[in-house]
Amino acid sequence: MFTNFRRYLQEKAAFTEADLKTVEAVCMYRHLKAGEKLLAEGQTWHHNAFVYQGLTRGYRLNSNGGEQTINFSPEDYWTGDREALLTGEPTSVNIEALADTHLLLIEKTDFDNLCTTVVPFSEFMTNLIQRNLEAYHKRLEENRAFTDDEKVLAFIKKFPTVVARAPLHTIATYLDIEPYKLKFLLDTLG
């Protein structure tokens, strides 16, 4: 189970074998069946979660009670609610498995300890958080400036495996496009 995470870490930074053993020692594993929730609105969140097999979707409920997809996490992506993790406040996010999903979990205290004791882990996580902030801002800009066609093409580029694995209505809420229009665009662009 740690093999996939080991490969991922080694692709991102120069970890020694001792570094990897330190990381492995604090890892826990969880399996979710398709449709099962990792996190539900109102819960507290105490882990950093890495998807090493499967697919999750994060979503919030909008003012009408509808689901608004805020992210997808296929293999080699992190999932969870970073804000709730940092503040200790209950989450406003729901995270569900869209397929059978295997996760590697690191409890917050252990994760924070890795960031102070394992230099490559700390450097990688700092870079990852920065890249995620940049990607978030880029997505906001794309949603404002892109046509629906451009949004779909950007989504396919970012998540090439998700289109075939996630229900179209969840992708549509992520892109803020009506499902029928998304289907038409996918058929046209495909």
N, C-alpha and C. Protein backbone atom coordinates (compact mmCIF):
# COMPACT_ATOMS: atom_id res chain seq x y z
N MET A 1 0.80 -1.19 0.00
CA MET A 1 0.00 0.00 0.00
C MET A 1 0.85 1.27 0.00
N PHE A 2 1.95 1.22 0.71
CA PHE A 2 2.82 2.39 0.75
C PHE A 2 3.59 2.55 -0.57
N THR A 3 3.65 1.48 -1.36
CA THR A 3 4.43 1.50 -2.60
C THR A 3 4.04 2.66 -3.52
N ASN A 4 2.75 2.88 -3.72
CA ASN A 4 2.31 3.97 -4.59
C ASN A 4 2.71 5.34 -4.03
N PHE A 5 2.56 5.50 -2.73
CA PHE A 5 2.92 6.78 -2.10
C PHE A 5 4.44 6.98 -2.14
N ARG A 6 5.19 5.91 -1.95
CA ARG A 6 6.66 5.97 -2.05
C ARG A 6 7.06 6.48 -3.43
N ARG A 7 6.48 5.87 -4.47
CA ARG A 7 6.77 6.29 -5.84
C ARG A 7 6.43 7.77 -6.03
N TYR A 8 5.26 8.16 -5.57
CA TYR A 8 4.81 9.55 -5.68
C TYR A 8 5.81 10.50 -5.01
N LEU A 9 6.19 10.19 -3.79
CA LEU A 9 7.13 11.05 -3.06
C LEU A 9 8.48 11.12 -3.76
N GLN A 10 8.97 9.96 -4.23
CA GLN A 10 10.27 9.94 -4.90
C GLN A 10 10.26 10.72 -6.21
N GLU A 11 9.11 10.83 -6.85
CA GLU A 11 8.99 11.64 -8.07
C GLU A 11 9.01 13.13 -7.75
N LYS A 12 8.69 13.49 -6.51
CA LYS A 12 8.54 14.89 -6.13
C LYS A 12 9.76 15.49 -5.45
N ALA A 13 10.55 14.67 -4.76
CA ALA A 13 11.70 15.19 -4.01
C ALA A 13 12.70 14.07 -3.76
N ALA A 14 13.87 14.46 -3.29
CA ALA A 14 14.96 13.50 -3.03
C ALA A 14 14.86 12.96 -1.60
N PHE A 15 14.07 11.92 -1.43
CA PHE A 15 13.89 11.29 -0.13
C PHE A 15 14.92 10.19 0.06
N THR A 16 15.49 10.14 1.24
CA THR A 16 16.37 9.03 1.59
C THR A 16 15.50 7.85 2.03
N GLU A 17 16.09 6.69 2.13
CA GLU A 17 15.35 5.53 2.63
C GLU A 17 14.88 5.77 4.06
N ALA A 18 15.71 6.43 4.86
CA ALA A 18 15.32 6.74 6.25
C ALA A 18 14.13 7.71 6.27
N ASP A 19 14.13 8.70 5.37
CA ASP A 19 13.00 9.63 5.27
C ASP A 19 11.71 8.86 4.97
N LEU A 20 11.79 7.96 4.00
CA LEU A 20 10.61 7.21 3.59
C LEU A 20 10.10 6.30 4.70
N LYS A 21 11.00 5.72 5.46
CA LYS A 21 10.58 4.88 6.59
C LYS A 21 9.91 5.71 7.67
N THR A 22 10.38 6.93 7.88
CA THR A 22 9.76 7.84 8.85
C THR A 22 8.34 8.18 8.40
N VAL A 23 8.17 8.44 7.11
CA VAL A 23 6.83 8.74 6.58
C VAL A 23 5.94 7.50 6.70
N GLU A 24 6.45 6.38 6.27
CA GLU A 24 5.64 5.15 6.28
C GLU A 24 5.15 4.79 7.68
N ALA A 25 5.95 5.08 8.68
CA ALA A 25 5.61 4.71 10.05
C ALA A 25 4.33 5.40 10.55
N VAL A 26 3.95 6.52 9.96
CA VAL A 26 2.77 7.26 10.45
C VAL A 26 1.56 7.12 9.51
N CYS A 27 1.69 6.31 8.49
CA CYS A 27 0.61 6.18 7.52
C CYS A 27 -0.44 5.17 7.98
N MET A 28 -1.69 5.53 7.74
CA MET A 28 -2.83 4.63 7.95
C MET A 28 -3.51 4.48 6.60
N TYR A 29 -4.33 3.45 6.47
CA TYR A 29 -4.95 3.18 5.19
C TYR A 29 -6.45 3.01 5.39
N ARG A 30 -7.18 3.44 4.36
CA ARG A 30 -8.64 3.33 4.42
C ARG A 30 -9.18 3.01 3.03
N HIS A 31 -10.17 2.16 3.00
CA HIS A 31 -10.84 1.81 1.75
C HIS A 31 -12.27 2.35 1.82
N LEU A 32 -12.68 3.02 0.76
CA LEU A 32 -14.06 3.50 0.63
C LEU A 32 -14.70 2.80 -0.55
N LYS A 33 -15.92 2.35 -0.38
CA LYS A 33 -16.68 1.81 -1.50
C LYS A 33 -17.29 2.98 -2.26
N ALA A 34 -17.58 2.78 -3.53
CA ALA A 34 -18.23 3.82 -4.33
C ALA A 34 -19.48 4.30 -3.61
N GLY A 35 -19.59 5.62 -3.48
CA GLY A 35 -20.73 6.23 -2.80
C GLY A 35 -20.52 6.48 -1.32
N GLU A 36 -19.48 5.89 -0.74
CA GLU A 36 -19.21 6.07 0.69
C GLU A 36 -18.50 7.40 0.92
N LYS A 37 -18.83 8.05 2.03
CA LYS A 37 -18.24 9.35 2.34
C LYS A 37 -16.98 9.19 3.21
N LEU A 38 -15.99 9.97 2.86
CA LEU A 38 -14.80 10.11 3.69
C LEU A 38 -15.05 11.18 4.74
N LEU A 39 -15.78 12.21 4.36
CA LEU A 39 -16.01 13.37 5.21
C LEU A 39 -17.40 13.91 4.92
N ALA A 40 -18.12 14.29 5.97
CA ALA A 40 -19.46 14.85 5.81
C ALA A 40 -19.52 16.21 6.51
N GLU A 41 -20.29 17.10 5.92
CA GLU A 41 -20.48 18.43 6.48
C GLU A 41 -20.79 18.33 7.98
N GLY A 42 -20.11 19.17 8.77
CA GLY A 42 -20.32 19.20 10.21
C GLY A 42 -19.32 18.38 11.00
N GLN A 43 -18.60 17.48 10.33
CA GLN A 43 -17.59 16.68 11.03
C GLN A 43 -16.31 17.49 11.19
N THR A 44 -15.48 17.07 12.14
CA THR A 44 -14.14 17.64 12.23
C THR A 44 -13.22 16.75 11.42
N TRP A 45 -12.15 17.33 10.91
CA TRP A 45 -11.24 16.64 10.00
C TRP A 45 -9.85 16.71 10.59
N HIS A 46 -9.22 15.56 10.78
CA HIS A 46 -7.92 15.49 11.46
C HIS A 46 -6.82 14.83 10.64
N HIS A 47 -7.04 14.66 9.33
CA HIS A 47 -6.08 13.91 8.53
C HIS A 47 -5.73 14.62 7.23
N ASN A 48 -4.59 14.26 6.71
CA ASN A 48 -4.24 14.56 5.32
C ASN A 48 -4.45 13.24 4.60
N ALA A 49 -5.14 13.29 3.47
CA ALA A 49 -5.52 12.05 2.78
C ALA A 49 -5.01 12.08 1.35
N PHE A 50 -4.37 11.00 0.97
CA PHE A 50 -3.80 10.83 -0.37
C PHE A 50 -4.52 9.69 -1.06
N VAL A 51 -5.02 9.94 -2.26
CA VAL A 51 -5.71 8.91 -3.04
C VAL A 51 -4.66 8.14 -3.84
N TYR A 52 -4.49 6.86 -3.52
CA TYR A 52 -3.54 6.09 -4.31
C TYR A 52 -4.23 5.13 -5.27
N GLN A 53 -5.54 5.01 -5.13
CA GLN A 53 -6.33 4.28 -6.12
C GLN A 53 -7.77 4.72 -5.97
N GLY A 54 -8.42 5.02 -7.09
CA GLY A 54 -9.82 5.41 -7.04
C GLY A 54 -10.06 6.86 -7.41
N LEU A 55 -11.17 7.39 -6.93
CA LEU A 55 -11.58 8.74 -7.28
C LEU A 55 -12.53 9.27 -6.22
N THR A 56 -12.24 10.47 -5.72
CA THR A 56 -13.16 11.13 -4.79
C THR A 56 -13.63 12.44 -5.39
N ARG A 57 -14.71 12.92 -4.83
CA ARG A 57 -15.27 14.22 -5.22
C ARG A 57 -15.57 14.98 -3.95
N GLY A 58 -15.14 16.25 -3.89
CA GLY A 58 -15.51 17.13 -2.81
C GLY A 58 -16.63 18.04 -3.28
N TYR A 59 -17.62 18.25 -2.41
CA TYR A 59 -18.72 19.14 -2.79
C TYR A 59 -19.30 19.82 -1.55
N ARG A 60 -19.97 20.92 -1.83
CA ARG A 60 -20.71 21.66 -0.81
C ARG A 60 -22.16 21.72 -1.26
N LEU A 61 -23.04 21.98 -0.32
CA LEU A 61 -24.43 22.20 -0.66
C LEU A 61 -24.64 23.69 -0.85
N ASN A 62 -25.28 24.08 -1.96
CA ASN A 62 -25.54 25.49 -2.20
C ASN A 62 -26.80 25.92 -1.45
N SER A 63 -27.18 27.19 -1.58
CA SER A 63 -28.31 27.73 -0.83
C SER A 63 -29.64 27.05 -1.18
N ASN A 64 -29.71 26.42 -2.34
CA ASN A 64 -30.91 25.69 -2.75
C ASN A 64 -30.87 24.23 -2.33
N GLY A 65 -29.80 23.82 -1.67
CA GLY A 65 -29.65 22.43 -1.26
C GLY A 65 -29.05 21.53 -2.33
N GLY A 66 -28.66 22.14 -3.46
CA GLY A 66 -28.02 21.37 -4.53
C GLY A 66 -26.54 21.19 -4.27
N GLU A 67 -25.98 20.17 -4.86
CA GLU A 67 -24.55 19.90 -4.69
C GLU A 67 -23.73 20.71 -5.68
N GLN A 68 -22.67 21.34 -5.17
CA GLN A 68 -21.73 22.09 -6.00
C GLN A 68 -20.36 21.42 -5.85
N THR A 69 -19.92 20.73 -6.90
CA THR A 69 -18.64 20.05 -6.85
C THR A 69 -17.52 21.08 -6.81
N ILE A 70 -16.61 20.91 -5.85
CA ILE A 70 -15.49 21.85 -5.71
C ILE A 70 -14.16 21.24 -6.10
N ASN A 71 -14.07 19.91 -6.12
CA ASN A 71 -12.84 19.29 -6.60
C ASN A 71 -13.03 17.81 -6.87
N PHE A 72 -12.12 17.28 -7.63
CA PHE A 72 -12.01 15.85 -7.87
C PHE A 72 -10.61 15.45 -7.46
N SER A 73 -10.49 14.25 -6.92
CA SER A 73 -9.17 13.73 -6.55
C SER A 73 -9.02 12.31 -7.08
N PRO A 74 -8.43 12.19 -8.27
CA PRO A 74 -8.10 10.85 -8.78
C PRO A 74 -6.78 10.38 -8.15
N GLU A 75 -6.24 9.31 -8.67
CA GLU A 75 -4.97 8.78 -8.15
C GLU A 75 -3.90 9.87 -8.14
N ASP A 76 -3.08 9.83 -7.10
CA ASP A 76 -1.96 10.75 -6.90
C ASP A 76 -2.39 12.18 -6.61
N TYR A 77 -3.61 12.33 -6.11
CA TYR A 77 -4.10 13.63 -5.63
C TYR A 77 -4.38 13.52 -4.15
N TRP A 78 -4.34 14.66 -3.48
CA TRP A 78 -4.71 14.76 -2.08
C TRP A 78 -6.18 15.14 -2.00
N THR A 79 -6.84 14.73 -0.94
CA THR A 79 -8.23 15.10 -0.72
C THR A 79 -8.43 15.43 0.75
N GLY A 80 -9.52 16.05 1.06
CA GLY A 80 -9.82 16.45 2.43
C GLY A 80 -10.24 17.91 2.46
N ASP A 81 -10.30 18.46 3.65
CA ASP A 81 -10.66 19.86 3.81
C ASP A 81 -9.54 20.55 4.57
N ARG A 82 -8.66 21.20 3.83
CA ARG A 82 -7.48 21.85 4.42
C ARG A 82 -7.88 22.94 5.43
N GLU A 83 -8.91 23.72 5.10
CA GLU A 83 -9.35 24.78 6.00
C GLU A 83 -9.81 24.21 7.34
N ALA A 84 -10.64 23.18 7.31
CA ALA A 84 -11.10 22.55 8.55
C ALA A 84 -9.95 21.91 9.31
N LEU A 85 -9.00 21.36 8.58
CA LEU A 85 -7.84 20.75 9.20
C LEU A 85 -7.02 21.79 9.97
N LEU A 86 -6.83 22.95 9.35
CA LEU A 86 -6.02 24.00 9.97
C LEU A 86 -6.74 24.72 11.10
N THR A 87 -8.05 24.92 10.96
CA THR A 87 -8.79 25.69 11.97
C THR A 87 -9.35 24.84 13.10
N GLY A 88 -9.55 23.56 12.83
CA GLY A 88 -10.19 22.69 13.82
C GLY A 88 -11.70 22.85 13.85
N GLU A 89 -12.23 23.71 12.99
CA GLU A 89 -13.68 23.93 12.91
C GLU A 89 -14.33 22.81 12.10
N PRO A 90 -15.62 22.56 12.35
CA PRO A 90 -16.32 21.56 11.55
C PRO A 90 -16.29 21.93 10.06
N THR A 91 -16.23 20.93 9.24
CA THR A 91 -16.13 21.14 7.80
C THR A 91 -17.48 21.53 7.18
N SER A 92 -17.40 22.25 6.08
CA SER A 92 -18.59 22.53 5.28
C SER A 92 -18.54 21.73 3.99
N VAL A 93 -17.59 20.81 3.91
CA VAL A 93 -17.34 20.02 2.71
C VAL A 93 -17.77 18.58 2.92
N ASN A 94 -18.27 17.98 1.87
CA ASN A 94 -18.55 16.54 1.83
C ASN A 94 -17.56 15.94 0.84
N ILE A 95 -17.00 14.80 1.19
CA ILE A 95 -16.11 14.10 0.26
C ILE A 95 -16.59 12.67 0.15
N GLU A 96 -16.89 12.28 -1.09
CA GLU A 96 -17.39 10.94 -1.34
C GLU A 96 -16.54 10.24 -2.38
N ALA A 97 -16.51 8.93 -2.30
CA ALA A 97 -15.83 8.12 -3.29
C ALA A 97 -16.76 7.94 -4.48
N LEU A 98 -16.27 8.24 -5.67
CA LEU A 98 -17.05 8.01 -6.89
C LEU A 98 -16.79 6.61 -7.46
N ALA A 99 -15.76 5.98 -6.96
CA ALA A 99 -15.40 4.60 -7.32
C ALA A 99 -14.77 4.00 -6.07
N ASP A 100 -14.60 2.70 -6.03
CA ASP A 100 -13.87 2.12 -4.91
C ASP A 100 -12.54 2.85 -4.81
N THR A 101 -12.23 3.33 -3.62
CA THR A 101 -11.08 4.21 -3.44
C THR A 101 -10.24 3.75 -2.27
N HIS A 102 -8.93 3.77 -2.48
CA HIS A 102 -7.97 3.44 -1.43
C HIS A 102 -7.20 4.71 -1.09
N LEU A 103 -7.16 5.00 0.20
CA LEU A 103 -6.53 6.23 0.69
C LEU A 103 -5.42 5.91 1.67
N LEU A 104 -4.44 6.78 1.67
CA LEU A 104 -3.41 6.78 2.69
C LEU A 104 -3.69 8.01 3.55
N LEU A 105 -3.78 7.83 4.85
CA LEU A 105 -4.09 8.92 5.77
C LEU A 105 -2.92 9.18 6.70
N ILE A 106 -2.66 10.45 6.93
CA ILE A 106 -1.65 10.85 7.92
C ILE A 106 -2.33 11.84 8.87
N GLU A 107 -2.36 11.48 10.14
CA GLU A 107 -3.00 12.32 11.15
C GLU A 107 -2.27 13.67 11.21
N LYS A 108 -3.01 14.74 11.50
CA LYS A 108 -2.47 16.10 11.46
C LYS A 108 -1.20 16.26 12.29
N THR A 109 -1.19 15.77 13.51
CA THR A 109 0.00 15.91 14.37
C THR A 109 1.21 15.22 13.74
N ASP A 110 1.00 14.03 13.22
CA ASP A 110 2.09 13.31 12.56
C ASP A 110 2.55 14.04 11.29
N PHE A 111 1.59 14.57 10.54
CA PHE A 111 1.91 15.31 9.32
C PHE A 111 2.75 16.55 9.66
N ASP A 112 2.31 17.29 10.67
CA ASP A 112 3.06 18.48 11.10
C ASP A 112 4.47 18.11 11.55
N ASN A 113 4.59 16.98 12.22
CA ASN A 113 5.90 16.50 12.67
C ASN A 113 6.78 16.15 11.46
N LEU A 114 6.20 15.51 10.44
CA LEU A 114 6.97 15.20 9.23
C LEU A 114 7.47 16.49 8.57
N CYS A 115 6.65 17.52 8.60
CA CYS A 115 7.03 18.80 7.99
C CYS A 115 8.15 19.50 8.74
N THR A 116 8.38 19.13 9.98
CA THR A 116 9.49 19.75 10.73
C THR A 116 10.71 18.85 10.83
N THR A 117 10.54 17.54 10.61
CA THR A 117 11.68 16.63 10.80
C THR A 117 12.21 16.01 9.51
N VAL A 118 11.40 15.98 8.46
CA VAL A 118 11.83 15.36 7.20
C VAL A 118 11.89 16.47 6.15
N VAL A 119 13.09 16.97 5.92
CA VAL A 119 13.29 18.15 5.06
C VAL A 119 12.66 18.00 3.67
N PRO A 120 12.88 16.89 2.95
CA PRO A 120 12.26 16.79 1.62
C PRO A 120 10.73 16.84 1.69
N PHE A 121 10.16 16.27 2.74
CA PHE A 121 8.71 16.29 2.91
C PHE A 121 8.23 17.73 3.11
N SER A 122 8.91 18.45 3.96
CA SER A 122 8.56 19.85 4.22
C SER A 122 8.65 20.70 2.96
N GLU A 123 9.75 20.56 2.24
CA GLU A 123 9.93 21.35 1.01
C GLU A 123 8.87 21.01 -0.03
N PHE A 124 8.59 19.71 -0.18
CA PHE A 124 7.59 19.30 -1.15
C PHE A 124 6.21 19.83 -0.77
N MET A 125 5.82 19.70 0.49
CA MET A 125 4.51 20.15 0.93
C MET A 125 4.36 21.67 0.77
N THR A 126 5.40 22.41 1.06
CA THR A 126 5.35 23.87 0.88
C THR A 126 5.10 24.19 -0.59
N ASN A 127 5.81 23.52 -1.48
CA ASN A 127 5.62 23.73 -2.92
C ASN A 127 4.23 23.28 -3.37
N LEU A 128 3.76 22.16 -2.84
CA LEU A 128 2.45 21.66 -3.22
C LEU A 128 1.34 22.63 -2.81
N ILE A 129 1.42 23.15 -1.61
CA ILE A 129 0.42 24.12 -1.15
C ILE A 129 0.44 25.37 -2.02
N GLN A 130 1.62 25.83 -2.37
CA GLN A 130 1.73 27.01 -3.24
C GLN A 130 1.12 26.73 -4.61
N ARG A 131 1.43 25.56 -5.17
CA ARG A 131 0.87 25.21 -6.48
C ARG A 131 -0.66 25.08 -6.43
N ASN A 132 -1.17 24.54 -5.32
CA ASN A 132 -2.62 24.42 -5.17
C ASN A 132 -3.29 25.78 -5.09
N LEU A 133 -2.66 26.72 -4.40
CA LEU A 133 -3.21 28.08 -4.34
C LEU A 133 -3.22 28.71 -5.73
N GLU A 134 -2.14 28.53 -6.47
CA GLU A 134 -2.06 29.07 -7.83
C GLU A 134 -3.13 28.42 -8.72
N ALA A 135 -3.33 27.11 -8.58
CA ALA A 135 -4.33 26.41 -9.39
C ALA A 135 -5.74 26.89 -9.04
N TYR A 136 -5.97 27.16 -7.76
CA TYR A 136 -7.28 27.66 -7.33
C TYR A 136 -7.56 29.02 -7.96
N HIS A 137 -6.58 29.90 -7.92
CA HIS A 137 -6.76 31.23 -8.51
C HIS A 137 -6.91 31.14 -10.03
N LYS A 138 -6.18 30.23 -10.65
CA LYS A 138 -6.30 30.04 -12.09
C LYS A 138 -7.71 29.54 -12.43
N ARG A 139 -8.23 28.63 -11.63
CA ARG A 139 -9.58 28.11 -11.88
C ARG A 139 -10.62 29.22 -11.74
N LEU A 140 -10.48 30.08 -10.74
CA LEU A 140 -11.41 31.20 -10.60
C LEU A 140 -11.37 32.09 -11.83
N GLU A 141 -10.17 32.36 -12.31
CA GLU A 141 -10.01 33.20 -13.50
C GLU A 141 -10.63 32.51 -14.72
N GLU A 142 -10.38 31.22 -14.86
CA GLU A 142 -10.94 30.48 -15.99
C GLU A 142 -12.46 30.50 -15.96
N ASN A 143 -13.05 30.31 -14.78
CA ASN A 143 -14.50 30.31 -14.68
C ASN A 143 -15.10 31.66 -15.08
N ARG A 144 -14.35 32.71 -14.84
CA ARG A 144 -14.83 34.06 -15.16
C ARG A 144 -14.58 34.40 -16.63
N ALA A 145 -13.45 33.99 -17.16
CA ALA A 145 -13.03 34.45 -18.48
C ALA A 145 -13.24 33.44 -19.61
N PHE A 146 -13.31 32.15 -19.29
CA PHE A 146 -13.37 31.13 -20.32
C PHE A 146 -14.79 30.92 -20.83
N THR A 147 -14.88 30.55 -22.09
CA THR A 147 -16.15 30.07 -22.63
C THR A 147 -16.37 28.66 -22.09
N ASP A 148 -17.58 28.14 -22.26
CA ASP A 148 -17.86 26.78 -21.80
C ASP A 148 -16.95 25.77 -22.50
N ASP A 149 -16.69 25.96 -23.80
CA ASP A 149 -15.79 25.07 -24.53
C ASP A 149 -14.40 25.07 -23.89
N GLU A 150 -13.91 26.25 -23.56
CA GLU A 150 -12.57 26.37 -22.97
C GLU A 150 -12.52 25.74 -21.57
N LYS A 151 -13.61 25.89 -20.81
CA LYS A 151 -13.67 25.26 -19.48
C LYS A 151 -13.56 23.74 -19.60
N VAL A 152 -14.30 23.19 -20.55
CA VAL A 152 -14.29 21.73 -20.74
C VAL A 152 -12.91 21.26 -21.18
N LEU A 153 -12.30 21.96 -22.11
CA LEU A 153 -10.96 21.57 -22.56
C LEU A 153 -9.93 21.66 -21.42
N ALA A 154 -10.02 22.71 -20.60
CA ALA A 154 -9.12 22.85 -19.46
C ALA A 154 -9.34 21.72 -18.45
N PHE A 155 -10.59 21.33 -18.24
CA PHE A 155 -10.91 20.23 -17.33
C PHE A 155 -10.32 18.92 -17.84
N ILE A 156 -10.51 18.66 -19.11
CA ILE A 156 -9.97 17.42 -19.70
C ILE A 156 -8.45 17.38 -19.59
N LYS A 157 -7.83 18.52 -19.78
CA LYS A 157 -6.36 18.58 -19.66
C LYS A 157 -5.91 18.31 -18.23
N LYS A 158 -6.63 18.88 -17.26
CA LYS A 158 -6.25 18.71 -15.85
C LYS A 158 -6.60 17.32 -15.32
N PHE A 159 -7.77 16.83 -15.71
CA PHE A 159 -8.28 15.55 -15.20
C PHE A 159 -8.60 14.59 -16.36
N PRO A 160 -7.61 14.12 -17.09
CA PRO A 160 -7.89 13.31 -18.28
C PRO A 160 -8.66 12.02 -18.00
N THR A 161 -8.55 11.46 -16.81
CA THR A 161 -9.24 10.20 -16.52
C THR A 161 -10.60 10.39 -15.88
N VAL A 162 -10.89 11.58 -15.41
CA VAL A 162 -12.12 11.80 -14.64
C VAL A 162 -13.36 11.82 -15.52
N VAL A 163 -13.27 12.33 -16.73
CA VAL A 163 -14.44 12.43 -17.60
C VAL A 163 -15.11 11.07 -17.78
N ALA A 164 -14.33 10.04 -17.93
CA ALA A 164 -14.89 8.70 -18.14
C ALA A 164 -15.32 8.03 -16.84
N ARG A 165 -14.94 8.60 -15.69
CA ARG A 165 -15.19 7.92 -14.42
C ARG A 165 -16.20 8.61 -13.52
N ALA A 166 -16.46 9.88 -13.74
CA ALA A 166 -17.36 10.64 -12.86
C ALA A 166 -18.68 10.90 -13.56
N PRO A 167 -19.77 10.91 -12.81
CA PRO A 167 -21.05 11.26 -13.42
C PRO A 167 -20.99 12.67 -14.03
N LEU A 168 -21.59 12.81 -15.20
CA LEU A 168 -21.54 14.10 -15.90
C LEU A 168 -22.11 15.24 -15.06
N HIS A 169 -23.16 14.97 -14.28
CA HIS A 169 -23.75 16.07 -13.51
C HIS A 169 -22.77 16.60 -12.46
N THR A 170 -21.88 15.74 -11.94
CA THR A 170 -20.90 16.24 -10.97
C THR A 170 -19.84 17.11 -11.66
N ILE A 171 -19.46 16.71 -12.85
CA ILE A 171 -18.51 17.52 -13.62
C ILE A 171 -19.16 18.84 -14.01
N ALA A 172 -20.43 18.78 -14.38
CA ALA A 172 -21.16 19.99 -14.77
C ALA A 172 -21.21 20.99 -13.62
N THR A 173 -21.44 20.51 -12.38
CA THR A 173 -21.49 21.46 -11.25
C THR A 173 -20.10 22.04 -10.97
N TYR A 174 -19.06 21.26 -11.23
CA TYR A 174 -17.70 21.77 -11.07
C TYR A 174 -17.41 22.89 -12.07
N LEU A 175 -17.88 22.70 -13.29
CA LEU A 175 -17.61 23.66 -14.37
C LEU A 175 -18.66 24.76 -14.46
N ASP A 176 -19.73 24.63 -13.69
CA ASP A 176 -20.84 25.59 -13.73
C ASP A 176 -21.45 25.65 -15.13
N ILE A 177 -21.72 24.46 -15.65
CA ILE A 177 -22.33 24.28 -16.97
C ILE A 177 -23.52 23.33 -16.79
N GLU A 178 -24.57 23.55 -17.51
CA GLU A 178 -25.71 22.63 -17.46
C GLU A 178 -25.27 21.26 -17.99
N PRO A 179 -25.74 20.16 -17.36
CA PRO A 179 -25.32 18.82 -17.78
C PRO A 179 -25.56 18.52 -19.27
N TYR A 180 -26.71 18.95 -19.81
CA TYR A 180 -26.98 18.68 -21.23
C TYR A 180 -25.96 19.39 -22.12
N LYS A 181 -25.54 20.59 -21.71
CA LYS A 181 -24.57 21.34 -22.50
C LYS A 181 -23.19 20.68 -22.40
N LEU A 182 -22.84 20.20 -21.21
CA LEU A 182 -21.57 19.49 -21.04
C LEU A 182 -21.54 18.25 -21.92
N LYS A 183 -22.62 17.48 -21.92
CA LYS A 183 -22.66 16.29 -22.77
C LYS A 183 -22.47 16.66 -24.23
N PHE A 184 -23.15 17.71 -24.68
CA PHE A 184 -23.02 18.16 -26.06
C PHE A 184 -21.58 18.55 -26.35
N LEU A 185 -20.97 19.31 -25.44
CA LEU A 185 -19.57 19.76 -25.67
C LEU A 185 -18.61 18.58 -25.68
N LEU A 186 -18.80 17.64 -24.79
CA LEU A 186 -17.93 16.45 -24.77
C LEU A 186 -18.09 15.65 -26.06
N ASP A 187 -19.31 15.51 -26.52
CA ASP A 187 -19.54 14.80 -27.78
C ASP A 187 -18.91 15.54 -28.95
N THR A 188 -19.01 16.86 -28.93
CA THR A 188 -18.48 17.68 -30.02
C THR A 188 -16.96 17.72 -29.98
N LEU A 189 -16.39 17.87 -28.78
CA LEU A 189 -14.94 18.00 -28.65
C LEU A 189 -14.23 16.65 -28.71
N GLY A 190 -14.97 15.58 -28.40
CA GLY A 190 -14.38 14.25 -28.31
C GLY A 190 -14.02 13.69 -29.62
